[in-house]
Amino acid sequence: MLGYKNRFHGHGSLKYVYSNGKSVRSRLISLKTTAHPRRHDPRVAVVVSKKVVKGAVPRNRIRRRIYEVVRHELPQIQPGRDIILIVFSAEVLTTPSQTLTETVQQLLREGGVYRQ
């Protein structure tokens, strides 16, 4: 799980990223990101809709898998970035860990959130 300082708190911040963020999409996951210059740490949220996976247990398992990948990537992410990963396919639940890691890393790279 991500630390408290790396999570979103409240829906207002998510709405801002949804409306003003740059979007990058893969087959399974979409990434929305924006810069937040007053923050010193990146914030990350993973969104899995009930339309994608009905049960709470599989939705939470998907979230935990993606948060684990992002947790390992946090040192390379620019400070002050707000990142939302939106899952579009239930296939993420059964995707091998290596493939999921590569997909998330590719999205982060295309979104321009890594340090230069």
Foldseek 3Di string as FASTA:
>chain_A
DDDPLQEDDDCVVVVCQVVPFDWDDDPWKIKTKDFAVVFFFHHEEEDEDCVAPVDPVLVVLLRVLLVVLVVVCRVFFHTRMYMYMYTDHSCSSVDDSVVSSVVVVVNCVVRVGGDD
